[in-house]
Amino acid sequence: MILENLLLIISLLFVVSMLTMLSEKIGISYPIFLVIAGLVISFVPGMPHFQLEPDWVFLIFLPPLLYEAAWNTSWKDFWASRRAIGLLSVGLVVFTATAVAYISHALIPGFTLAMGFVLGGIISPPDAVAATSVLHGLKVPKRVVTILEGESLVNDASSLIVFRVALATIETGNFVLWKAGADFLMVAVMGVVIGLAIAHVLYFVHRFFPTTPSIDTALTFISPYLMYITAEHFHYSGVLAVVSGGLFLSFRAHELFTYQSRMQTNYVWQTVVFLLNGIVFILIGLQLPEVMKGLQKYTMTEVISYAVIISIVTILIRIIWVFPSTYLPRILFKSIRQKEVRPGWQPVFIVAWSGMRGVVSLASALAIPLLINGKAFPQRDLFLFITFVVILFTLVFQGLSLPYLIKWLKIEDDGDNQEKENAMINSRLATVSLDYMKSNYEGEIQDFEPFRLLKDRYEKIVEMADYKLLHSEDSKSVGHVRKYRKMLLEIIEVKRDEILKLRQERACSNEIIRTKEHELDLEEARLRRSP
């Protein structure tokens, strides 16, 4: 049994890797492609049925995925966009849950208002990975990406709290608005407190204990589980515990890790998160046979019509919310108008259109209990089917259309500003390096060639950075700078070819060759990461 499950997991990892490469080849974002592929695979005769356990998602998948997203989120950018993020991650979640509750109550026979809020809590949060992976490589303003990533960090907590309150209402038959609001606040605040408390302990361990790169990497994997499980044990928000703890440790990361720890941790996390995301999205597609298992008492026309209408409603609700929440605060408050540039409607529409649902919604639907008060949970199979269709509809329809919308709306990123920032920091770093050399090694610079060459190199870096800053608006100059970077990348390839010849000639030891290859890898990574 263990051997069969292990073989199944390894096969799944292999399939995910192959399908992701295929998605790159045909130019479709891998979450969309994996969901569609999983859907197709589920119809293959003889395929085993995969049942996605909600505990797996909430306990195994969700903490590291949230932690990684929080770790890679800039606290400065997050805080600068806090109003937009708060209005989306809390306001829009509650608005969506309420609208879906009333519409599903009116649309579906026997669907109570409490059941409608359960459905609303399930399908209200957009998926973090879906939005960012679809936008990856597309020219969109940085603020749009920051808002979408920040929203997806917090909205899972909001939606899960709405979901739990609605479930409790069905179980007890009582709903008191002030009590629900107080519970919402308590669960959220205490989740943040627990996350920050554990993060401070981990900060102390990383900062003052004699760790190694391997120990640092291991601790970063333990951290999200520790935060999530502790908060959930006390019935508080594990999601907010992971997010708050991840943001705190990310903000302090420069104090915690050596360069070796940073490099090793980044590489390991990139691999693990890729595999986790891939498994999650292909498992969504593979759920269809399980989802359709209990739909015999409904006609397909009925359930599809319910699901499609609710899918369209979720898209429209987001558009209806995003535009007023963007522009009304600017109309009402002069201080906002003075501090912030009024955004055009095109990037606002991209935020409104990027509401792709994902695995948290499906896991919430699967977490609906089979029995409640000793009786079968009413219309549980319909909850599952509607959730599945909403995920498929938003992920495929909105996800595939997003690149074309960005092109049609002629939205441009703020790459020029990033180019200026990159030139500015290069100039500052080279200048302080020159000042240090001149103050401490003036004699060596005069007498020894290597010192003089290094000084000349830093002077050239300052000249290049100043050139970029002075000519950043000149398209011809920008073209020359990009061509210069292209030449440097080509030279790296020439060097690699020469290293290959040295390897074949056995002119150097393998250790030296690997060291030089690593140096070239780092140099290429630096050039490719530059804007």
Protein backbone atom coordinates (compact mmCIF):
# COMPACT_ATOMS: atom_id res chain seq x y z
CA MET A 1 0.00 0.00 0.00
CA ILE A 2 2.79 2.43 0.96
CA LEU A 3 4.72 1.46 -2.18
CA GLU A 4 1.65 2.05 -4.40
CA ASN A 5 1.00 5.49 -2.89
CA LEU A 6 4.66 6.42 -3.20
CA LEU A 7 4.68 5.37 -6.85
CA LEU A 8 1.50 7.39 -7.43
CA ILE A 9 3.03 10.53 -5.88
CA ILE A 10 6.26 10.17 -7.88
CA SER A 11 4.26 9.62 -11.09
CA LEU A 12 2.20 12.73 -10.30
CA LEU A 13 5.36 14.81 -9.76
CA PHE A 14 6.77 13.58 -13.07
CA VAL A 15 3.53 14.35 -14.94
CA VAL A 16 3.40 17.83 -13.37
CA SER A 17 6.98 18.55 -14.52
CA MET A 18 6.31 17.34 -18.07
CA LEU A 19 3.03 19.26 -18.38
CA THR A 20 4.61 22.44 -17.02
CA MET A 21 7.32 22.25 -19.70
CA LEU A 22 4.59 21.76 -22.31
CA SER A 23 2.68 24.77 -20.97
CA GLU A 24 5.85 26.88 -21.31
CA LYS A 25 6.25 25.65 -24.87
CA ILE A 26 2.71 26.60 -25.94
CA GLY A 27 2.63 29.80 -23.87
CA ILE A 28 -0.19 29.01 -21.43
CA SER A 29 0.17 29.73 -17.73
CA TYR A 30 0.90 26.44 -15.99
CA PRO A 31 -1.94 26.53 -13.37
CA ILE A 32 -4.51 26.86 -16.17
CA PHE A 33 -2.84 24.18 -18.27
CA LEU A 34 -2.53 21.75 -15.34
CA VAL A 35 -6.19 22.12 -14.38
CA ILE A 36 -7.27 21.45 -17.98
CA ALA A 37 -4.83 18.53 -18.24
CA GLY A 38 -6.11 17.06 -14.98
CA LEU A 39 -9.65 17.38 -16.28
CA VAL A 40 -8.76 15.52 -19.48
CA ILE A 41 -6.78 12.85 -17.61
CA SER A 42 -9.75 12.22 -15.28
CA PHE A 43 -11.77 10.93 -18.29
CA VAL A 44 -9.11 8.39 -19.32
CA PRO A 45 -10.54 4.88 -18.80
CA GLY A 46 -8.96 3.00 -15.92
CA MET A 47 -7.49 6.09 -14.27
CA PRO A 48 -7.57 5.84 -10.46
CA HIS A 49 -9.79 8.39 -8.75
CA PHE A 50 -7.92 11.01 -6.79
CA GLN A 51 -9.78 12.38 -3.80
CA LEU A 52 -8.34 15.68 -2.58
CA GLU A 53 -8.50 15.61 1.20
CA PRO A 54 -9.18 19.09 2.66
CA ASP A 55 -6.81 18.32 5.55
CA TRP A 56 -4.00 17.83 3.04
CA VAL A 57 -4.62 21.25 1.55
CA PHE A 58 -5.06 23.12 4.83
CA LEU A 59 -2.25 21.36 6.65
CA ILE A 60 0.29 20.26 4.05
CA PHE A 61 -0.08 22.60 1.05
CA LEU A 62 -1.48 25.88 2.36
CA PRO A 63 1.11 26.87 5.06
CA PRO A 64 4.24 26.68 2.85
CA LEU A 65 2.50 28.30 -0.14
CA LEU A 66 1.27 31.20 2.00
CA TYR A 67 4.63 31.53 3.73
CA GLU A 68 6.51 31.66 0.43
CA ALA A 69 4.11 34.29 -0.90
CA ALA A 70 4.48 36.36 2.28
CA TRP A 71 8.27 35.97 2.22
CA ASN A 72 8.47 37.33 -1.34
CA THR A 73 6.11 40.22 -0.63
CA SER A 74 7.71 43.59 0.09
CA TRP A 75 6.41 44.91 3.42
CA LYS A 76 6.99 48.45 2.16
CA ASP A 77 4.85 47.87 -0.95
CA PHE A 78 2.27 45.90 1.06
CA TRP A 79 1.89 48.72 3.58
CA ALA A 80 1.78 51.39 0.84
CA SER A 81 -1.16 49.54 -0.77
CA ARG A 82 -2.85 48.60 2.52
CA ARG A 83 -6.11 50.42 1.76
CA ALA A 84 -6.62 48.68 -1.60
CA ILE A 85 -5.53 45.32 -0.17
CA GLY A 86 -7.84 45.67 2.85
CA LEU A 87 -10.84 46.65 0.74
CA LEU A 88 -10.29 43.61 -1.50
CA SER A 89 -9.23 41.00 1.05
CA VAL A 90 -11.90 41.81 3.64
CA GLY A 91 -14.50 44.11 2.08
CA LEU A 92 -14.79 42.27 -1.23
CA VAL A 93 -14.82 38.85 0.47
CA VAL A 94 -17.76 39.84 2.69
CA PHE A 95 -19.52 41.58 -0.24
CA THR A 96 -19.04 38.53 -2.50
CA ALA A 97 -20.18 36.09 0.19
CA THR A 98 -23.30 38.19 0.85
CA ALA A 99 -24.20 38.62 -2.83
CA VAL A 100 -23.65 34.92 -3.61
CA ALA A 101 -25.71 33.97 -0.54
CA TYR A 102 -28.78 35.95 -1.63
CA ILE A 103 -28.50 35.03 -5.31
CA SER A 104 -28.04 31.29 -4.66
CA HIS A 105 -30.89 31.40 -2.11
CA ALA A 106 -33.18 32.89 -4.76
CA LEU A 107 -31.87 30.71 -7.59
CA ILE A 108 -31.63 27.19 -6.12
CA PRO A 109 -34.69 25.45 -4.66
CA GLY A 110 -34.20 24.47 -1.01
CA PHE A 111 -31.03 26.58 -0.64
CA THR A 112 -31.31 28.47 2.65
CA LEU A 113 -29.61 31.81 3.25
CA ALA A 114 -27.13 30.16 5.66
CA MET A 115 -26.23 27.63 2.94
CA GLY A 116 -25.78 30.55 0.57
CA PHE A 117 -23.26 32.13 2.96
CA VAL A 118 -21.39 28.81 3.14
CA LEU A 119 -21.14 28.84 -0.67
CA GLY A 120 -20.19 32.53 -0.65
CA GLY A 121 -17.42 31.89 1.89
CA ILE A 122 -16.11 29.06 -0.28
CA ILE A 123 -15.89 30.88 -3.62
CA SER A 124 -15.08 34.42 -2.44
CA PRO A 125 -11.23 34.27 -2.32
CA PRO A 126 -9.19 34.49 -5.56
CA ASP A 127 -6.12 32.27 -5.72
CA ALA A 128 -2.67 33.76 -5.12
CA VAL A 129 -0.70 31.48 -7.41
CA ALA A 130 -3.18 31.63 -10.28
CA ALA A 131 -3.11 35.43 -10.50
CA THR A 132 0.65 35.90 -10.13
CA SER A 133 1.58 33.04 -12.47
CA VAL A 134 -0.82 34.29 -15.16
CA LEU A 135 0.63 37.81 -14.83
CA HIS A 136 4.21 36.51 -14.81
CA GLY A 137 6.07 37.83 -17.83
CA LEU A 138 3.27 40.25 -18.78
CA LYS A 139 3.82 43.99 -18.79
CA VAL A 140 1.70 45.25 -15.90
CA PRO A 141 2.46 47.98 -13.35
CA LYS A 142 4.16 46.76 -10.19
CA ARG A 143 1.35 48.18 -8.03
CA VAL A 144 -1.19 45.91 -9.74
CA VAL A 145 0.90 42.83 -8.89
CA THR A 146 1.45 44.09 -5.31
CA ILE A 147 -2.29 44.57 -4.77
CA LEU A 148 -3.19 41.15 -6.18
CA GLU A 149 -0.49 39.36 -4.17
CA GLY A 150 -1.35 41.27 -0.99
CA GLU A 151 -5.06 40.56 -1.43
CA SER A 152 -4.48 36.84 -1.87
CA LEU A 153 -2.37 36.71 1.30
CA VAL A 154 -5.22 37.92 3.51
CA ASN A 155 -8.44 36.97 1.71
CA ASP A 156 -8.08 33.25 2.47
CA ALA A 157 -8.36 34.06 6.17
CA SER A 158 -11.42 36.28 5.64
CA SER A 159 -13.21 33.70 3.51
CA LEU A 160 -12.45 30.80 5.87
CA ILE A 161 -13.83 32.81 8.82
CA VAL A 162 -17.04 33.56 6.85
CA PHE A 163 -17.23 29.88 5.90
CA ARG A 164 -16.87 28.70 9.51
CA VAL A 165 -19.40 31.21 10.86
CA ALA A 166 -21.93 30.13 8.21
CA LEU A 167 -21.35 26.43 9.00
CA ALA A 168 -21.85 27.11 12.71
CA THR A 169 -25.09 28.95 11.88
CA ILE A 170 -26.42 25.92 9.98
CA GLU A 171 -25.43 23.65 12.87
CA THR A 172 -26.92 25.77 15.68
CA GLY A 173 -29.65 27.57 13.77
CA ASN A 174 -28.61 30.88 15.40
CA PHE A 175 -26.90 33.89 13.88
CA VAL A 176 -26.13 37.02 15.89
CA LEU A 177 -24.48 39.74 13.83
CA TRP A 178 -22.50 41.40 16.62
CA LYS A 179 -21.27 38.02 17.89
CA ALA A 180 -20.21 36.99 14.38
CA GLY A 181 -18.35 40.29 13.99
CA ALA A 182 -16.64 39.89 17.37
CA ASP A 183 -15.64 36.30 16.54
CA PHE A 184 -14.29 37.47 13.16
CA LEU A 185 -12.16 40.12 14.87
CA MET A 186 -10.92 37.79 17.62
CA VAL A 187 -9.96 35.00 15.21
CA ALA A 188 -8.10 37.44 12.94
CA VAL A 189 -6.28 39.45 15.63
CA MET A 190 -5.21 36.42 17.66
CA GLY A 191 -4.00 34.70 14.50
CA VAL A 192 -1.73 37.68 13.81
CA VAL A 193 -0.53 37.76 17.46
CA ILE A 194 0.38 34.04 17.42
CA GLY A 195 2.16 34.38 14.07
CA LEU A 196 4.23 37.35 15.26
CA ALA A 197 5.03 35.69 18.60
CA ILE A 198 6.38 32.54 16.91
CA ALA A 199 8.19 34.69 14.32
CA HIS A 200 10.01 36.54 17.13
CA VAL A 201 11.14 33.23 18.64
CA LEU A 202 12.38 32.03 15.23
CA TYR A 203 14.09 35.39 14.68
CA PHE A 204 15.99 34.87 17.94
CA VAL A 205 17.00 31.34 16.89
CA HIS A 206 18.19 32.41 13.42
CA ARG A 207 19.94 35.49 14.76
CA PHE A 208 21.80 34.22 17.81
CA PHE A 209 22.19 30.45 17.46
CA PRO A 210 25.07 28.87 15.46
CA THR A 211 23.00 27.76 12.48
CA THR A 212 24.26 26.48 9.12
CA PRO A 213 22.68 27.03 5.66
CA SER A 214 21.03 23.60 5.89
CA ILE A 215 19.61 24.33 9.36
CA ASP A 216 18.37 27.76 8.22
CA THR A 217 16.63 26.16 5.24
CA ALA A 218 15.06 23.47 7.42
CA LEU A 219 13.82 26.07 9.92
CA THR A 220 12.14 28.05 7.14
CA PHE A 221 10.13 24.93 6.26
CA ILE A 222 9.23 24.23 9.89
CA SER A 223 8.16 27.85 10.52
CA PRO A 224 4.87 27.99 8.53
CA TYR A 225 3.66 24.67 9.94
CA LEU A 226 4.50 25.76 13.48
CA MET A 227 2.58 29.02 13.04
CA TYR A 228 -0.41 27.44 11.30
CA ILE A 229 -0.85 24.44 13.61
CA THR A 230 -0.45 26.52 16.79
CA ALA A 231 -3.04 29.09 15.69
CA GLU A 232 -5.50 26.45 14.49
CA HIS A 233 -5.07 24.50 17.74
CA PHE A 234 -6.46 27.50 19.62
CA HIS A 235 -9.19 28.00 16.95
CA TYR A 236 -7.67 31.18 15.54
CA SER A 237 -6.68 32.00 11.97
CA GLY A 238 -3.74 29.84 10.91
CA VAL A 239 -3.64 31.68 7.59
CA LEU A 240 -3.08 35.08 9.21
CA ALA A 241 -0.54 33.55 11.60
CA VAL A 242 1.54 32.31 8.64
CA VAL A 243 1.14 35.55 6.68
CA SER A 244 2.03 37.88 9.58
CA GLY A 245 4.94 35.69 10.69
CA GLY A 246 6.23 35.37 7.11
CA LEU A 247 6.06 39.13 6.51
CA PHE A 248 7.92 39.84 9.76
CA LEU A 249 10.73 37.36 9.08
CA SER A 250 11.00 38.49 5.46
CA PHE A 251 11.39 42.09 6.62
CA ARG A 252 14.20 41.00 8.98
CA ALA A 253 15.81 38.50 6.59
CA HIS A 254 18.88 40.69 5.98
CA GLU A 255 19.78 40.30 9.68
CA LEU A 256 19.29 36.54 9.81
CA PHE A 257 21.01 34.81 6.91
CA THR A 258 24.46 34.58 5.42
CA TYR A 259 24.77 34.73 1.65
CA GLN A 260 25.05 30.92 1.61
CA SER A 261 21.83 30.49 3.58
CA ARG A 262 19.99 32.95 1.34
CA MET A 263 21.08 31.19 -1.84
CA GLN A 264 20.37 27.68 -0.58
CA THR A 265 17.01 28.62 0.93
CA ASN A 266 15.85 30.40 -2.23
CA TYR A 267 16.76 27.50 -4.53
CA VAL A 268 15.17 24.85 -2.31
CA TRP A 269 11.97 26.87 -1.78
CA GLN A 270 11.59 27.56 -5.51
CA THR A 271 11.68 23.83 -6.24
CA VAL A 272 9.34 22.78 -3.44
CA VAL A 273 6.78 25.52 -4.13
CA PHE A 274 6.77 24.68 -7.84
CA LEU A 275 6.01 21.02 -7.06
CA LEU A 276 3.35 21.86 -4.46
CA ASN A 277 1.60 24.28 -6.81
CA GLY A 278 1.77 21.82 -9.67
CA ILE A 279 0.27 18.97 -7.64
CA VAL A 280 -2.49 21.21 -6.30
CA PHE A 281 -3.60 22.45 -9.72
CA ILE A 282 -3.53 19.08 -11.45
CA LEU A 283 -5.46 17.59 -8.51
CA ILE A 284 -8.16 20.24 -9.01
CA GLY A 285 -8.71 18.96 -12.55
CA LEU A 286 -8.66 15.32 -11.40
CA GLN A 287 -11.52 15.93 -8.93
CA LEU A 288 -14.32 15.94 -11.53
CA PRO A 289 -15.34 12.24 -11.17
CA GLU A 290 -15.45 12.66 -7.38
CA VAL A 291 -17.40 15.90 -7.65
CA MET A 292 -20.01 14.43 -10.01
CA LYS A 293 -20.48 11.26 -7.96
CA GLY A 294 -23.50 12.47 -5.97
CA LEU A 295 -25.30 14.55 -8.60
CA GLN A 296 -27.74 11.84 -9.73
CA LYS A 297 -30.76 13.60 -8.22
CA TYR A 298 -30.14 16.69 -10.34
CA THR A 299 -30.34 17.10 -14.10
CA MET A 300 -27.11 18.26 -15.74
CA THR A 301 -28.92 21.24 -17.25
CA GLU A 302 -29.95 22.42 -13.79
CA VAL A 303 -26.58 22.07 -12.08
CA ILE A 304 -24.63 23.55 -15.00
CA SER A 305 -26.99 26.53 -15.22
CA TYR A 306 -26.69 27.15 -11.45
CA ALA A 307 -22.91 26.92 -11.60
CA VAL A 308 -22.47 29.13 -14.68
CA ILE A 309 -24.81 31.83 -13.33
CA ILE A 310 -22.96 31.92 -10.01
CA SER A 311 -19.60 31.98 -11.86
CA ILE A 312 -20.72 35.01 -13.88
CA VAL A 313 -22.05 36.65 -10.72
CA THR A 314 -18.68 36.25 -8.94
CA ILE A 315 -16.91 37.94 -11.86
CA LEU A 316 -19.41 40.81 -12.03
CA ILE A 317 -19.39 41.32 -8.24
CA ARG A 318 -15.64 41.87 -8.31
CA ILE A 319 -15.87 44.41 -11.12
CA ILE A 320 -18.74 46.20 -9.34
CA TRP A 321 -16.67 46.41 -6.15
CA VAL A 322 -13.21 47.26 -7.51
CA PHE A 323 -14.05 50.45 -9.42
CA PRO A 324 -15.94 52.29 -6.61
CA SER A 325 -13.43 51.10 -3.98
CA THR A 326 -10.61 52.53 -6.12
CA TYR A 327 -12.10 55.92 -6.97
CA LEU A 328 -14.55 56.74 -4.12
CA PRO A 329 -11.85 57.18 -1.43
CA ARG A 330 -10.10 59.65 -3.74
CA ILE A 331 -13.33 61.60 -4.23
CA LEU A 332 -14.15 61.64 -0.51
CA PHE A 333 -10.70 62.36 0.97
CA LYS A 334 -8.46 65.21 -0.15
CA SER A 335 -5.42 63.69 1.59
CA ILE A 336 -5.57 60.64 -0.71
CA ARG A 337 -5.80 62.85 -3.80
CA GLN A 338 -2.73 64.77 -2.67
CA LYS A 339 -0.61 61.71 -1.85
CA GLU A 340 -1.54 59.31 -4.64
CA VAL A 341 -1.68 59.61 -8.41
CA ARG A 342 -5.11 58.81 -9.79
CA PRO A 343 -4.87 55.43 -11.54
CA GLY A 344 -6.21 54.97 -15.04
CA TRP A 345 -9.19 52.69 -15.54
CA GLN A 346 -7.15 50.11 -17.50
CA PRO A 347 -4.97 48.81 -14.60
CA VAL A 348 -8.01 48.98 -12.31
CA PHE A 349 -9.89 46.76 -14.74
CA ILE A 350 -6.99 44.25 -14.73
CA VAL A 351 -7.27 44.06 -10.92
CA ALA A 352 -11.03 43.55 -11.31
CA TRP A 353 -10.55 40.84 -13.95
CA SER A 354 -7.86 38.92 -12.03
CA GLY A 355 -10.25 37.05 -9.75
CA MET A 356 -9.26 33.48 -10.58
CA ARG A 357 -10.35 30.96 -7.93
CA GLY A 358 -8.18 28.03 -6.86
CA VAL A 359 -7.40 25.31 -4.40
CA VAL A 360 -8.54 27.03 -1.17
CA SER A 361 -12.08 27.22 -2.57
CA LEU A 362 -12.10 23.54 -3.50
CA ALA A 363 -10.59 22.51 -0.16
CA SER A 364 -13.24 24.54 1.69
CA ALA A 365 -15.99 22.84 -0.30
CA LEU A 366 -14.53 19.41 0.43
CA ALA A 367 -14.31 20.38 4.12
CA ILE A 368 -18.09 20.61 4.35
CA PRO A 369 -19.01 17.78 6.75
CA LEU A 370 -20.90 14.75 5.45
CA LEU A 371 -23.22 14.87 8.47
CA ILE A 372 -24.53 17.76 10.52
CA ASN A 373 -26.61 17.16 13.65
CA GLY A 374 -26.74 13.47 12.73
CA LYS A 375 -28.22 14.11 9.26
CA ALA A 376 -26.67 14.34 5.81
CA PHE A 377 -25.45 17.85 5.04
CA PRO A 378 -28.05 19.31 2.64
CA GLN A 379 -27.00 19.47 -1.03
CA ARG A 380 -23.31 18.92 -0.27
CA ASP A 381 -22.66 17.48 -3.75
CA LEU A 382 -24.13 20.59 -5.35
CA PHE A 383 -21.72 22.75 -3.30
CA LEU A 384 -18.82 20.73 -4.68
CA PHE A 385 -19.98 20.93 -8.29
CA ILE A 386 -20.69 24.67 -8.22
CA THR A 387 -17.28 25.33 -6.61
CA PHE A 388 -15.53 23.19 -9.22
CA VAL A 389 -17.22 25.01 -12.10
CA VAL A 390 -16.49 28.45 -10.59
CA ILE A 391 -12.78 27.52 -10.32
CA LEU A 392 -12.71 26.15 -13.86
CA PHE A 393 -14.72 29.06 -15.31
CA THR A 394 -12.68 31.84 -13.67
CA LEU A 395 -9.29 30.16 -14.04
CA VAL A 396 -9.67 29.20 -17.70
CA PHE A 397 -11.91 31.99 -19.03
CA GLN A 398 -10.35 34.90 -17.13
CA GLY A 399 -6.84 33.44 -17.03
CA LEU A 400 -6.60 32.79 -20.76
CA SER A 401 -8.17 36.13 -21.68
CA LEU A 402 -5.96 38.21 -19.36
CA PRO A 403 -2.86 38.45 -21.64
CA TYR A 404 -5.04 39.54 -24.58
CA LEU A 405 -6.83 42.12 -22.41
CA ILE A 406 -3.52 43.58 -21.24
CA LYS A 407 -2.37 43.86 -24.85
CA TRP A 408 -5.70 45.31 -26.03
CA LEU A 409 -5.82 47.87 -23.20
CA LYS A 410 -2.19 48.85 -24.01
CA ILE A 411 -1.13 48.59 -20.38
CA GLU A 412 2.55 49.23 -19.80
CA ASP A 413 4.71 48.26 -16.85
CA ASP A 414 6.91 50.64 -14.88
CA GLY A 415 10.13 49.13 -16.23
CA ASP A 416 11.68 52.56 -16.88
CA ASN A 417 11.33 53.40 -13.20
CA GLN A 418 12.95 50.08 -12.26
CA GLU A 419 15.79 50.85 -14.69
CA LYS A 420 16.36 54.18 -12.91
CA GLU A 421 16.27 52.55 -9.47
CA ASN A 422 18.74 49.88 -10.60
CA ALA A 423 21.10 52.53 -12.02
CA MET A 424 20.78 54.61 -8.86
CA ILE A 425 21.66 51.75 -6.52
CA ASN A 426 24.58 50.66 -8.75
CA SER A 427 25.94 54.19 -8.66
CA ARG A 428 25.59 54.44 -4.87
CA LEU A 429 27.25 51.07 -4.22
CA ALA A 430 30.13 51.75 -6.61
CA THR A 431 30.65 55.25 -5.13
CA VAL A 432 30.91 54.00 -1.52
CA SER A 433 33.26 51.24 -2.71
CA LEU A 434 35.50 53.83 -4.39
CA ASP A 435 35.49 56.08 -1.33
CA TYR A 436 36.44 53.14 0.89
CA MET A 437 39.30 52.08 -1.40
CA LYS A 438 40.67 55.61 -1.66
CA SER A 439 40.51 56.10 2.12
CA ASN A 440 42.05 52.78 3.13
CA TYR A 441 44.16 51.57 0.19
CA GLU A 442 45.45 54.72 -1.50
CA GLY A 443 49.08 53.51 -1.47
CA GLU A 444 48.20 50.10 -2.89
CA ILE A 445 46.14 51.72 -5.67
CA GLN A 446 49.23 53.71 -6.70
CA ASP A 447 51.69 50.80 -6.47
CA PHE A 448 49.80 47.62 -7.43
CA GLU A 449 48.03 46.94 -10.71
CA PRO A 450 45.15 44.77 -9.34
CA PHE A 451 44.09 47.53 -6.93
CA ARG A 452 44.22 50.12 -9.71
CA LEU A 453 42.20 47.91 -12.07
CA LEU A 454 39.51 47.39 -9.43
CA LYS A 455 39.31 51.15 -8.85
CA ASP A 456 38.94 51.69 -12.60
CA ARG A 457 36.20 49.07 -12.72
CA TYR A 458 34.15 50.85 -10.03
CA GLU A 459 34.65 54.16 -11.80
CA LYS A 460 33.29 52.60 -14.99
CA ILE A 461 30.26 51.27 -13.06
CA VAL A 462 29.54 54.79 -11.78
CA GLU A 463 29.89 56.19 -15.31
CA MET A 464 27.56 53.54 -16.73
CA ALA A 465 24.95 54.11 -14.00
CA ASP A 466 25.08 57.90 -14.47
CA TYR A 467 24.73 57.39 -18.21
CA LYS A 468 21.59 55.32 -17.65
CA LEU A 469 20.12 57.95 -15.31
CA LEU A 470 20.85 60.81 -17.72
CA HIS A 471 19.55 59.02 -20.81
CA SER A 472 16.72 56.93 -19.29
CA GLU A 473 14.12 58.68 -21.46
CA ASP A 474 16.20 58.32 -24.63
CA SER A 475 14.96 55.21 -26.44
CA LYS A 476 18.20 54.99 -28.47
CA SER A 477 20.31 55.05 -25.31
CA VAL A 478 18.07 52.48 -23.61
CA GLY A 479 18.52 50.27 -26.66
CA HIS A 480 22.32 50.53 -26.37
CA VAL A 481 22.20 49.58 -22.68
CA ARG A 482 20.06 46.53 -23.45
CA LYS A 483 22.37 45.55 -26.28
CA TYR A 484 25.31 45.87 -23.89
CA ARG A 485 23.61 43.45 -21.46
CA LYS A 486 22.87 41.10 -24.35
CA MET A 487 26.57 41.16 -25.28
CA LEU A 488 27.58 40.30 -21.70
CA LEU A 489 25.20 37.31 -21.73
CA GLU A 490 26.66 36.15 -25.04
CA ILE A 491 30.19 36.43 -23.61
CA ILE A 492 29.11 34.19 -20.72
CA GLU A 493 28.06 31.55 -23.26
CA VAL A 494 31.44 31.86 -24.99
CA LYS A 495 33.14 31.32 -21.63
CA ARG A 496 30.97 28.25 -21.00
CA ASP A 497 32.01 26.77 -24.34
CA GLU A 498 35.66 27.29 -23.40
CA ILE A 499 35.11 25.63 -20.00
CA LEU A 500 33.59 22.66 -21.84
CA LYS A 501 36.75 22.39 -23.95
CA LEU A 502 38.90 22.52 -20.81
CA ARG A 503 36.79 19.76 -19.30
CA GLN A 504 37.22 17.60 -22.42
CA GLU A 505 40.96 18.29 -22.49
CA ARG A 506 41.20 17.51 -18.76
CA ALA A 507 43.43 20.55 -18.43
CA CYS A 508 42.02 21.51 -15.01
CA SER A 509 40.63 19.70 -11.99
CA ASN A 510 36.89 19.10 -11.89
CA GLU A 511 36.61 21.14 -8.68
CA ILE A 512 38.10 24.26 -10.32
CA ILE A 513 35.84 23.85 -13.37
CA ARG A 514 32.73 23.59 -11.18
CA THR A 515 33.77 26.71 -9.24
CA LYS A 516 34.14 28.68 -12.48
CA GLU A 517 30.78 27.37 -13.74
CA HIS A 518 29.17 28.54 -10.49
CA GLU A 519 30.74 31.98 -10.91
CA LEU A 520 29.31 32.22 -14.45
CA ASP A 521 25.90 31.10 -13.18
CA LEU A 522 25.90 33.86 -10.57
CA GLU A 523 27.00 36.43 -13.15
CA GLU A 524 24.25 35.36 -15.55
CA ALA A 525 21.64 35.43 -12.77
CA ARG A 526 22.69 38.98 -11.89
CA LEU A 527 22.40 40.14 -15.51
CA ARG A 528 19.04 38.45 -16.12
CA ARG A 529 17.52 39.83 -12.92
CA SER A 530 18.49 43.38 -13.82
CA PRO A 531 15.55 45.33 -15.30
